[in-house]
């Protein structure tokens, strides 16, 4: 049970969906931010890669709901599927991702630890691998936003879905098809 009464059946609305239903006036801008960060941007930085960053940061933050959700969302949009997501989360250095994406994920990991851990060397390494300023910007903002989202979900003590094998793939299909509710 969540730390506060969300006025919903938590089994029906696990994770962030419960607090968003509890407070729709804050859900709207949060969903708009997620839509821009995770589904829009550039042709060279795909929604699957953006979701992978969200999953990676959520895993570093030990946020089960967000990590599982965004892992499913990334897997649904990446050719290599969940295998790649699991490889990145287990060992970024040996995961079969592009050098550019690896450099961006390193920046995301630094942000998760502390924004001040993003060094000029990390940024230059990403640029050397072809990352644009927009991709670096969005990586930092995705990582920072997911630190907030993760703390929102876990700070309210929300629950994970009762049947994760059904919930996360269905959520992934919805996100890929219609987006983050905007």
N, C-alpha and C. Protein backbone atom coordinates (compact mmCIF):
# COMPACT_ATOMS: atom_id res chain seq x y z
N UNK A 1 0.84 -1.18 0.00
CA UNK A 1 0.00 0.00 0.00
C UNK A 1 0.89 1.25 0.00
N UNK A 2 0.51 2.23 -0.80
CA UNK A 2 1.26 3.47 -0.88
C UNK A 2 1.25 4.18 0.48
N UNK A 3 2.19 5.06 0.68
CA UNK A 3 2.31 5.80 1.93
C UNK A 3 1.12 6.73 2.19
N UNK A 4 0.44 7.15 1.13
CA UNK A 4 -0.75 7.99 1.29
C UNK A 4 -1.91 7.32 0.54
N UNK A 5 -3.11 7.67 0.90
CA UNK A 5 -4.29 7.14 0.22
C UNK A 5 -4.44 7.86 -1.12
N UNK A 6 -4.19 7.15 -2.20
CA UNK A 6 -4.27 7.74 -3.53
C UNK A 6 -5.69 7.73 -4.09
N UNK A 7 -6.61 7.12 -3.35
CA UNK A 7 -8.00 7.11 -3.78
C UNK A 7 -8.25 6.24 -5.00
N UNK A 8 -7.41 5.24 -5.19
CA UNK A 8 -7.52 4.35 -6.35
C UNK A 8 -7.25 2.92 -5.91
N UNK A 9 -7.55 2.00 -6.80
CA UNK A 9 -7.16 0.61 -6.61
C UNK A 9 -5.72 0.50 -7.10
N UNK A 10 -4.76 0.37 -6.16
CA UNK A 10 -3.36 0.34 -6.55
C UNK A 10 -3.02 -0.84 -7.45
N UNK A 11 -3.79 -1.90 -7.36
CA UNK A 11 -3.56 -3.04 -8.25
C UNK A 11 -3.83 -2.67 -9.69
N UNK A 12 -4.77 -1.75 -9.88
CA UNK A 12 -5.12 -1.30 -11.23
C UNK A 12 -4.18 -0.20 -11.72
N UNK A 13 -3.63 0.59 -10.80
CA UNK A 13 -2.78 1.72 -11.15
C UNK A 13 -1.47 1.68 -10.35
N UNK A 14 -0.57 0.75 -10.71
CA UNK A 14 0.69 0.64 -9.96
C UNK A 14 1.68 1.74 -10.33
N UNK A 15 2.75 1.80 -9.56
CA UNK A 15 3.85 2.72 -9.86
C UNK A 15 3.39 4.15 -9.99
N UNK A 16 3.92 4.82 -11.00
CA UNK A 16 3.65 6.25 -11.19
C UNK A 16 2.21 6.52 -11.63
N UNK A 17 1.53 5.52 -12.15
CA UNK A 17 0.16 5.75 -12.63
C UNK A 17 -0.79 6.12 -11.49
N UNK A 18 -0.55 5.58 -10.29
CA UNK A 18 -1.40 5.93 -9.15
C UNK A 18 -1.26 7.39 -8.74
N UNK A 19 -0.03 7.86 -8.46
CA UNK A 19 0.12 9.27 -8.10
C UNK A 19 -0.33 10.22 -9.21
N UNK A 20 -0.19 9.81 -10.47
CA UNK A 20 -0.63 10.68 -11.56
C UNK A 20 -2.16 10.78 -11.59
N UNK A 21 -2.83 9.72 -11.25
CA UNK A 21 -4.30 9.79 -11.17
C UNK A 21 -4.73 10.59 -9.95
N UNK A 22 -3.96 10.51 -8.88
CA UNK A 22 -4.26 11.25 -7.66
C UNK A 22 -4.15 12.76 -7.88
N UNK A 23 -3.21 13.15 -8.71
CA UNK A 23 -2.95 14.58 -8.90
C UNK A 23 -2.78 14.88 -10.39
N UNK A 24 -3.87 14.86 -11.16
CA UNK A 24 -3.78 15.03 -12.61
C UNK A 24 -3.18 16.36 -13.05
N UNK A 25 -3.32 17.38 -12.21
CA UNK A 25 -2.76 18.69 -12.59
C UNK A 25 -1.23 18.67 -12.59
N UNK A 26 -0.60 17.77 -11.83
CA UNK A 26 0.86 17.62 -11.92
C UNK A 26 1.22 16.54 -12.94
N UNK A 27 0.32 15.60 -13.15
CA UNK A 27 0.58 14.55 -14.13
C UNK A 27 0.74 15.12 -15.54
N UNK A 28 -0.07 16.11 -15.86
CA UNK A 28 -0.05 16.67 -17.22
C UNK A 28 1.34 17.19 -17.60
N UNK A 29 1.97 18.08 -16.84
CA UNK A 29 3.30 18.54 -17.24
C UNK A 29 4.37 17.44 -17.15
N UNK A 30 4.21 16.51 -16.22
CA UNK A 30 5.18 15.42 -16.14
C UNK A 30 5.10 14.53 -17.38
N UNK A 31 3.88 14.24 -17.82
CA UNK A 31 3.71 13.45 -19.04
C UNK A 31 4.19 14.21 -20.27
N UNK A 32 3.95 15.50 -20.30
CA UNK A 32 4.44 16.31 -21.43
C UNK A 32 5.96 16.29 -21.48
N UNK A 33 6.62 16.39 -20.32
CA UNK A 33 8.07 16.31 -20.27
C UNK A 33 8.55 14.95 -20.76
N UNK A 34 7.93 13.88 -20.30
CA UNK A 34 8.32 12.54 -20.74
C UNK A 34 8.13 12.39 -22.25
N UNK A 35 7.05 12.91 -22.78
CA UNK A 35 6.78 12.83 -24.22
C UNK A 35 7.89 13.50 -25.02
N UNK A 36 8.27 14.70 -24.62
CA UNK A 36 9.32 15.43 -25.33
C UNK A 36 10.66 14.73 -25.19
N UNK A 37 11.01 14.36 -23.98
CA UNK A 37 12.33 13.77 -23.74
C UNK A 37 12.50 12.38 -24.34
N UNK A 38 11.44 11.58 -24.31
CA UNK A 38 11.58 10.18 -24.68
C UNK A 38 11.09 9.84 -26.08
N UNK A 39 10.32 10.73 -26.69
CA UNK A 39 9.76 10.38 -27.99
C UNK A 39 10.07 11.39 -29.08
N UNK A 40 10.66 12.53 -28.74
CA UNK A 40 10.95 13.56 -29.73
C UNK A 40 12.43 13.92 -29.67
N UNK A 41 12.89 14.68 -30.60
CA UNK A 41 14.27 15.13 -30.54
C UNK A 41 14.95 15.13 -31.88
N UNK A 42 15.69 14.06 -32.14
CA UNK A 42 16.46 14.02 -33.38
C UNK A 42 16.35 12.65 -34.03
N UNK A 43 16.63 12.62 -35.33
CA UNK A 43 16.60 11.36 -36.06
C UNK A 43 17.77 10.46 -35.69
N UNK A 44 18.79 11.02 -35.06
CA UNK A 44 19.99 10.23 -34.75
C UNK A 44 19.99 9.70 -33.32
N UNK A 45 18.98 10.04 -32.55
CA UNK A 45 18.87 9.62 -31.16
C UNK A 45 17.46 9.10 -30.99
N UNK A 46 17.30 7.80 -31.10
CA UNK A 46 15.98 7.21 -31.24
C UNK A 46 15.20 7.14 -29.92
N UNK A 47 13.88 7.01 -30.00
CA UNK A 47 13.09 6.80 -28.79
C UNK A 47 13.55 5.56 -28.00
N UNK A 48 13.93 4.50 -28.68
CA UNK A 48 14.43 3.32 -27.98
C UNK A 48 15.68 3.61 -27.18
N UNK A 49 16.59 4.38 -27.75
CA UNK A 49 17.81 4.76 -27.03
C UNK A 49 17.48 5.67 -25.85
N UNK A 50 16.54 6.57 -26.05
CA UNK A 50 16.14 7.47 -24.97
C UNK A 50 15.50 6.68 -23.82
N UNK A 51 14.66 5.72 -24.16
CA UNK A 51 14.05 4.86 -23.13
C UNK A 51 15.11 4.02 -22.43
N UNK A 52 16.13 3.60 -23.18
CA UNK A 52 17.22 2.84 -22.58
C UNK A 52 17.93 3.67 -21.51
N UNK A 53 18.13 4.94 -21.77
CA UNK A 53 18.74 5.83 -20.77
C UNK A 53 17.84 5.91 -19.53
N UNK A 54 16.54 6.04 -19.74
CA UNK A 54 15.60 6.09 -18.61
C UNK A 54 15.66 4.79 -17.81
N UNK A 55 15.71 3.66 -18.49
CA UNK A 55 15.79 2.36 -17.81
C UNK A 55 17.11 2.22 -17.06
N UNK A 56 18.20 2.65 -17.68
CA UNK A 56 19.52 2.55 -17.08
C UNK A 56 19.59 3.36 -15.78
N UNK A 57 19.15 4.61 -15.85
CA UNK A 57 19.17 5.48 -14.66
C UNK A 57 18.23 4.93 -13.59
N UNK A 58 17.05 4.48 -13.99
CA UNK A 58 16.10 3.92 -13.02
C UNK A 58 16.67 2.68 -12.34
N UNK A 59 17.42 1.88 -13.09
CA UNK A 59 18.09 0.73 -12.48
C UNK A 59 19.15 1.15 -11.49
N UNK A 60 19.94 2.16 -11.85
CA UNK A 60 20.95 2.68 -10.92
C UNK A 60 20.31 3.22 -9.65
N UNK A 61 19.08 3.74 -9.77
CA UNK A 61 18.35 4.27 -8.63
C UNK A 61 17.54 3.20 -7.89
N UNK A 62 17.62 1.95 -8.35
CA UNK A 62 16.88 0.84 -7.73
C UNK A 62 15.38 1.08 -7.70
N UNK A 63 14.85 1.75 -8.72
CA UNK A 63 13.41 1.97 -8.81
C UNK A 63 12.81 0.87 -9.67
N UNK A 64 12.27 -0.14 -9.04
CA UNK A 64 11.79 -1.33 -9.76
C UNK A 64 10.73 -1.01 -10.81
N UNK A 65 9.73 -0.20 -10.42
CA UNK A 65 8.66 0.09 -11.36
C UNK A 65 9.19 0.81 -12.60
N UNK A 66 9.93 1.90 -12.40
CA UNK A 66 10.42 2.68 -13.55
C UNK A 66 11.42 1.90 -14.37
N UNK A 67 12.30 1.16 -13.71
CA UNK A 67 13.28 0.37 -14.45
C UNK A 67 12.58 -0.68 -15.31
N UNK A 68 11.64 -1.39 -14.73
CA UNK A 68 10.92 -2.42 -15.49
C UNK A 68 10.09 -1.82 -16.61
N UNK A 69 9.41 -0.71 -16.32
CA UNK A 69 8.59 -0.05 -17.35
C UNK A 69 9.44 0.40 -18.52
N UNK A 70 10.46 1.17 -18.23
CA UNK A 70 11.26 1.76 -19.31
C UNK A 70 12.17 0.74 -19.98
N UNK A 71 12.50 -0.34 -19.29
CA UNK A 71 13.19 -1.45 -19.95
C UNK A 71 12.26 -2.06 -21.00
N UNK A 72 10.99 -2.26 -20.64
CA UNK A 72 10.02 -2.80 -21.60
C UNK A 72 9.80 -1.83 -22.75
N UNK A 73 9.73 -0.52 -22.45
CA UNK A 73 9.52 0.48 -23.49
C UNK A 73 10.70 0.51 -24.45
N UNK A 74 11.92 0.44 -23.89
CA UNK A 74 13.13 0.44 -24.73
C UNK A 74 13.17 -0.83 -25.57
N UNK A 75 12.94 -1.97 -24.94
CA UNK A 75 13.01 -3.25 -25.64
C UNK A 75 12.03 -3.29 -26.81
N UNK A 76 10.86 -2.72 -26.61
CA UNK A 76 9.84 -2.71 -27.67
C UNK A 76 10.29 -1.90 -28.88
N UNK A 77 11.22 -0.95 -28.67
CA UNK A 77 11.63 -0.04 -29.75
C UNK A 77 13.05 -0.28 -30.25
N UNK A 78 13.75 -1.23 -29.67
CA UNK A 78 15.11 -1.55 -30.11
C UNK A 78 15.11 -2.89 -30.82
N UNK A 79 15.82 -2.99 -31.93
CA UNK A 79 15.85 -4.24 -32.69
C UNK A 79 16.31 -5.42 -31.84
N UNK A 80 17.24 -5.18 -30.93
CA UNK A 80 17.81 -6.25 -30.11
C UNK A 80 16.95 -6.57 -28.89
N UNK A 81 15.90 -5.80 -28.66
CA UNK A 81 14.93 -6.07 -27.61
C UNK A 81 15.51 -6.10 -26.20
N UNK A 82 14.86 -6.91 -25.37
CA UNK A 82 15.23 -6.97 -23.95
C UNK A 82 16.63 -7.52 -23.74
N UNK A 83 17.12 -8.31 -24.67
CA UNK A 83 18.49 -8.82 -24.54
C UNK A 83 19.47 -7.67 -24.42
N UNK A 84 19.33 -6.68 -25.28
CA UNK A 84 20.23 -5.53 -25.23
C UNK A 84 20.02 -4.72 -23.95
N UNK A 85 18.79 -4.49 -23.57
CA UNK A 85 18.52 -3.74 -22.35
C UNK A 85 19.19 -4.42 -21.16
N UNK A 86 19.03 -5.73 -21.06
CA UNK A 86 19.65 -6.47 -19.95
C UNK A 86 21.17 -6.39 -20.00
N UNK A 87 21.74 -6.44 -21.19
CA UNK A 87 23.20 -6.35 -21.32
C UNK A 87 23.70 -4.98 -20.86
N UNK A 88 23.03 -3.94 -21.27
CA UNK A 88 23.43 -2.58 -20.87
C UNK A 88 23.33 -2.43 -19.36
N UNK A 89 22.26 -2.91 -18.79
CA UNK A 89 22.06 -2.77 -17.34
C UNK A 89 23.05 -3.61 -16.56
N UNK A 90 23.46 -4.76 -17.11
CA UNK A 90 24.39 -5.64 -16.40
C UNK A 90 25.84 -5.18 -16.50
N UNK A 91 26.23 -4.70 -17.69
CA UNK A 91 27.64 -4.31 -17.88
C UNK A 91 27.75 -3.39 -19.08
N UNK A 92 27.66 -2.10 -18.82
CA UNK A 92 27.69 -1.11 -19.89
C UNK A 92 28.94 -1.24 -20.75
N UNK A 93 30.08 -1.52 -20.14
CA UNK A 93 31.34 -1.57 -20.89
C UNK A 93 31.37 -2.66 -21.95
N UNK A 94 30.70 -3.77 -21.70
CA UNK A 94 30.73 -4.86 -22.69
C UNK A 94 29.44 -4.99 -23.51
N UNK A 95 28.47 -4.16 -23.23
CA UNK A 95 27.20 -4.23 -23.96
C UNK A 95 27.41 -3.83 -25.42
N UNK A 96 26.73 -4.51 -26.34
CA UNK A 96 26.91 -4.23 -27.76
C UNK A 96 26.10 -3.02 -28.24
N UNK A 97 26.50 -1.84 -27.76
CA UNK A 97 25.88 -0.59 -28.19
C UNK A 97 26.95 0.24 -28.89
N UNK A 98 26.51 1.23 -29.64
CA UNK A 98 27.46 2.10 -30.32
C UNK A 98 28.31 2.85 -29.30
N UNK A 99 29.48 3.26 -29.73
CA UNK A 99 30.37 4.04 -28.86
C UNK A 99 29.68 5.33 -28.42
N UNK A 100 28.90 5.92 -29.32
CA UNK A 100 28.18 7.15 -28.97
C UNK A 100 27.17 6.90 -27.86
N UNK A 101 26.37 5.86 -28.00
CA UNK A 101 25.37 5.57 -26.98
C UNK A 101 26.04 5.22 -25.65
N UNK A 102 27.12 4.47 -25.70
CA UNK A 102 27.85 4.14 -24.48
C UNK A 102 28.33 5.42 -23.77
N UNK A 103 28.86 6.36 -24.55
CA UNK A 103 29.33 7.62 -23.97
C UNK A 103 28.17 8.41 -23.37
N UNK A 104 27.02 8.40 -24.04
CA UNK A 104 25.84 9.09 -23.50
C UNK A 104 25.34 8.41 -22.22
N UNK A 105 25.36 7.09 -22.20
CA UNK A 105 24.95 6.36 -21.00
C UNK A 105 25.91 6.64 -19.84
N UNK A 106 27.18 6.82 -20.13
CA UNK A 106 28.13 7.19 -19.07
C UNK A 106 27.78 8.56 -18.50
N UNK A 107 27.40 9.49 -19.38
CA UNK A 107 26.96 10.80 -18.89
C UNK A 107 25.72 10.64 -18.02
N UNK A 108 24.77 9.82 -18.46
CA UNK A 108 23.55 9.59 -17.67
C UNK A 108 23.89 9.00 -16.30
N UNK A 109 24.82 8.07 -16.27
CA UNK A 109 25.23 7.48 -14.99
C UNK A 109 25.88 8.50 -14.08
N UNK A 110 26.64 9.42 -14.66
CA UNK A 110 27.24 10.48 -13.86
C UNK A 110 26.17 11.39 -13.28
N UNK A 111 25.17 11.75 -14.09
CA UNK A 111 24.07 12.59 -13.61
C UNK A 111 23.35 11.89 -12.46
N UNK A 112 23.11 10.59 -12.60
CA UNK A 112 22.40 9.85 -11.55
C UNK A 112 23.14 9.97 -10.23
N UNK A 113 24.45 9.95 -10.27
CA UNK A 113 25.27 10.07 -9.06
C UNK A 113 25.24 11.50 -8.53
N UNK A 114 25.48 12.45 -9.42
CA UNK A 114 25.45 13.88 -9.09
C UNK A 114 25.68 14.64 -10.39
N UNK A 115 24.90 15.66 -10.62
CA UNK A 115 25.10 16.46 -11.83
C UNK A 115 26.53 16.96 -11.95
N UNK A 116 27.17 17.17 -10.83
CA UNK A 116 28.56 17.67 -10.85
C UNK A 116 29.56 16.61 -11.26
N UNK A 117 29.10 15.37 -11.39
CA UNK A 117 29.98 14.29 -11.87
C UNK A 117 30.11 14.28 -13.39
N UNK A 118 29.29 15.08 -14.07
CA UNK A 118 29.42 15.21 -15.52
C UNK A 118 30.60 16.14 -15.77
N UNK A 119 31.66 15.57 -16.30
CA UNK A 119 32.90 16.31 -16.49
C UNK A 119 33.08 16.72 -17.94
N UNK A 120 33.92 17.71 -18.19
CA UNK A 120 34.24 18.04 -19.58
C UNK A 120 34.78 16.82 -20.35
N UNK A 121 35.51 15.95 -19.68
CA UNK A 121 36.02 14.75 -20.34
C UNK A 121 34.89 13.84 -20.82
N UNK A 122 33.85 13.66 -19.99
CA UNK A 122 32.71 12.83 -20.41
C UNK A 122 32.00 13.46 -21.61
N UNK A 123 31.82 14.76 -21.57
CA UNK A 123 31.16 15.46 -22.67
C UNK A 123 32.00 15.38 -23.95
N UNK A 124 33.29 15.60 -23.83
CA UNK A 124 34.18 15.52 -25.00
C UNK A 124 34.23 14.12 -25.56
N UNK A 125 34.20 13.11 -24.69
CA UNK A 125 34.19 11.72 -25.16
C UNK A 125 32.92 11.45 -25.96
N UNK A 126 31.79 11.97 -25.52
CA UNK A 126 30.54 11.79 -26.27
C UNK A 126 30.61 12.52 -27.60
N UNK A 127 31.13 13.72 -27.59
CA UNK A 127 31.27 14.48 -28.84
C UNK A 127 32.20 13.75 -29.81
N UNK A 128 33.28 13.19 -29.29
CA UNK A 128 34.25 12.48 -30.13
C UNK A 128 33.61 11.27 -30.81
N UNK A 129 32.55 10.74 -30.19
CA UNK A 129 31.84 9.59 -30.78
C UNK A 129 30.66 10.03 -31.64
N UNK A 130 30.52 11.34 -31.83
CA UNK A 130 29.48 11.84 -32.73
C UNK A 130 28.24 12.38 -32.06
N UNK A 131 28.21 12.46 -30.74
CA UNK A 131 27.04 12.99 -30.06
C UNK A 131 26.92 14.49 -30.30
N UNK A 132 25.72 14.91 -30.57
CA UNK A 132 25.45 16.34 -30.78
C UNK A 132 25.17 17.01 -29.43
N UNK A 133 25.20 18.32 -29.44
CA UNK A 133 24.86 19.05 -28.22
C UNK A 133 23.42 18.75 -27.79
N UNK A 134 22.50 18.59 -28.74
CA UNK A 134 21.12 18.24 -28.40
C UNK A 134 21.06 16.87 -27.71
N UNK A 135 21.80 15.91 -28.21
CA UNK A 135 21.80 14.57 -27.61
C UNK A 135 22.40 14.61 -26.20
N UNK A 136 23.46 15.39 -26.02
CA UNK A 136 24.07 15.52 -24.69
C UNK A 136 23.09 16.21 -23.75
N UNK A 137 22.49 17.29 -24.22
CA UNK A 137 21.49 18.00 -23.41
C UNK A 137 20.37 17.06 -22.99
N UNK A 138 19.80 16.35 -23.96
CA UNK A 138 18.66 15.49 -23.66
C UNK A 138 19.05 14.34 -22.75
N UNK A 139 20.27 13.82 -22.90
CA UNK A 139 20.74 12.75 -22.01
C UNK A 139 20.78 13.25 -20.57
N UNK A 140 21.35 14.43 -20.36
CA UNK A 140 21.42 14.99 -19.01
C UNK A 140 20.01 15.21 -18.46
N UNK A 141 19.12 15.75 -19.27
CA UNK A 141 17.77 16.02 -18.80
C UNK A 141 16.97 14.73 -18.56
N UNK A 142 17.14 13.73 -19.42
CA UNK A 142 16.47 12.44 -19.19
C UNK A 142 16.94 11.85 -17.86
N UNK A 143 18.25 11.84 -17.65
CA UNK A 143 18.80 11.27 -16.42
C UNK A 143 18.30 12.05 -15.20
N UNK A 144 18.33 13.37 -15.27
CA UNK A 144 17.86 14.18 -14.14
C UNK A 144 16.37 13.98 -13.90
N UNK A 145 15.59 13.96 -14.97
CA UNK A 145 14.15 13.76 -14.83
C UNK A 145 13.85 12.40 -14.22
N UNK A 146 14.59 11.38 -14.61
CA UNK A 146 14.31 10.06 -14.07
C UNK A 146 14.76 9.91 -12.63
N UNK A 147 15.73 10.67 -12.21
CA UNK A 147 16.01 10.70 -10.77
C UNK A 147 14.79 11.23 -10.03
N UNK A 148 14.15 12.27 -10.59
CA UNK A 148 12.94 12.81 -9.98
C UNK A 148 11.79 11.81 -10.05
N UNK A 149 11.53 11.26 -11.25
CA UNK A 149 10.44 10.30 -11.40
C UNK A 149 10.63 9.11 -10.45
N UNK A 150 11.86 8.59 -10.36
CA UNK A 150 12.13 7.45 -9.50
C UNK A 150 11.85 7.78 -8.04
N UNK A 151 12.23 8.96 -7.62
CA UNK A 151 12.00 9.36 -6.24
C UNK A 151 10.52 9.63 -5.96
N UNK A 152 9.82 10.08 -6.97
CA UNK A 152 8.37 10.29 -6.87
C UNK A 152 7.68 8.94 -6.62
N UNK A 153 8.00 7.96 -7.43
CA UNK A 153 7.40 6.63 -7.32
C UNK A 153 7.77 5.97 -5.99
N UNK A 154 9.05 5.94 -5.68
CA UNK A 154 9.50 5.25 -4.47
C UNK A 154 9.21 6.05 -3.20
N UNK A 155 9.24 7.38 -3.31
CA UNK A 155 8.96 8.21 -2.15
C UNK A 155 7.53 8.10 -1.64
N UNK A 156 6.63 7.74 -2.55
CA UNK A 156 5.24 7.53 -2.14
C UNK A 156 4.95 6.06 -1.85
N UNK A 157 5.96 5.22 -2.00
CA UNK A 157 5.78 3.81 -1.67
C UNK A 157 4.79 3.09 -2.57
N UNK A 158 4.76 3.46 -3.85
CA UNK A 158 3.81 2.82 -4.75
C UNK A 158 4.22 1.37 -5.01
N UNK A 159 3.27 0.60 -5.49
CA UNK A 159 3.48 -0.82 -5.70
C UNK A 159 3.84 -1.14 -7.14
N UNK A 160 4.51 -2.27 -7.32
CA UNK A 160 4.73 -2.78 -8.68
C UNK A 160 3.47 -3.55 -9.07
N UNK A 161 3.27 -3.78 -10.37
CA UNK A 161 2.05 -4.48 -10.79
C UNK A 161 1.97 -5.91 -10.25
N UNK A 162 0.76 -6.36 -10.03
CA UNK A 162 0.54 -7.72 -9.55
C UNK A 162 1.01 -8.76 -10.56
N UNK A 163 0.83 -8.47 -11.85
CA UNK A 163 1.25 -9.39 -12.90
C UNK A 163 2.18 -8.67 -13.87
N UNK A 164 3.47 -8.56 -13.52
CA UNK A 164 4.39 -7.79 -14.35
C UNK A 164 4.55 -8.34 -15.77
N UNK A 165 4.39 -9.64 -15.96
CA UNK A 165 4.57 -10.20 -17.29
C UNK A 165 3.48 -9.74 -18.26
N UNK A 166 2.34 -9.35 -17.74
CA UNK A 166 1.28 -8.80 -18.58
C UNK A 166 1.32 -7.27 -18.61
N UNK A 167 1.60 -6.66 -17.46
CA UNK A 167 1.51 -5.21 -17.34
C UNK A 167 2.54 -4.48 -18.20
N UNK A 168 3.82 -4.83 -18.06
CA UNK A 168 4.86 -4.05 -18.73
C UNK A 168 4.79 -4.14 -20.26
N UNK A 169 4.57 -5.32 -20.85
CA UNK A 169 4.43 -5.34 -22.32
C UNK A 169 3.20 -4.56 -22.81
N UNK A 170 2.11 -4.63 -22.08
CA UNK A 170 0.91 -3.87 -22.48
C UNK A 170 1.18 -2.37 -22.38
N UNK A 171 1.87 -1.95 -21.33
CA UNK A 171 2.24 -0.54 -21.19
C UNK A 171 3.17 -0.11 -22.31
N UNK A 172 4.12 -0.97 -22.66
CA UNK A 172 5.05 -0.65 -23.74
C UNK A 172 4.30 -0.45 -25.05
N UNK A 173 3.36 -1.30 -25.33
CA UNK A 173 2.58 -1.17 -26.56
C UNK A 173 1.81 0.16 -26.58
N UNK A 174 1.24 0.52 -25.44
CA UNK A 174 0.49 1.78 -25.34
C UNK A 174 1.41 2.98 -25.55
N UNK A 175 2.58 2.97 -24.93
CA UNK A 175 3.51 4.09 -25.05
C UNK A 175 4.00 4.23 -26.49
N UNK A 176 4.35 3.12 -27.11
CA UNK A 176 4.84 3.17 -28.49
C UNK A 176 3.74 3.63 -29.43
N UNK A 177 2.52 3.22 -29.17
CA UNK A 177 1.41 3.55 -30.06
C UNK A 177 0.88 4.97 -29.86
N UNK A 178 0.64 5.36 -28.60
CA UNK A 178 0.00 6.66 -28.38
C UNK A 178 0.85 7.65 -27.58
N UNK A 179 1.90 7.19 -26.94
CA UNK A 179 2.77 8.11 -26.20
C UNK A 179 2.36 8.28 -24.75
N UNK A 180 2.86 9.34 -24.17
CA UNK A 180 2.71 9.60 -22.74
C UNK A 180 1.50 10.47 -22.43
N UNK A 181 0.36 10.12 -22.99
CA UNK A 181 -0.89 10.74 -22.60
C UNK A 181 -1.09 12.18 -23.00
N UNK A 182 -0.40 12.62 -24.03
CA UNK A 182 -0.61 13.99 -24.49
C UNK A 182 -1.30 14.00 -25.83
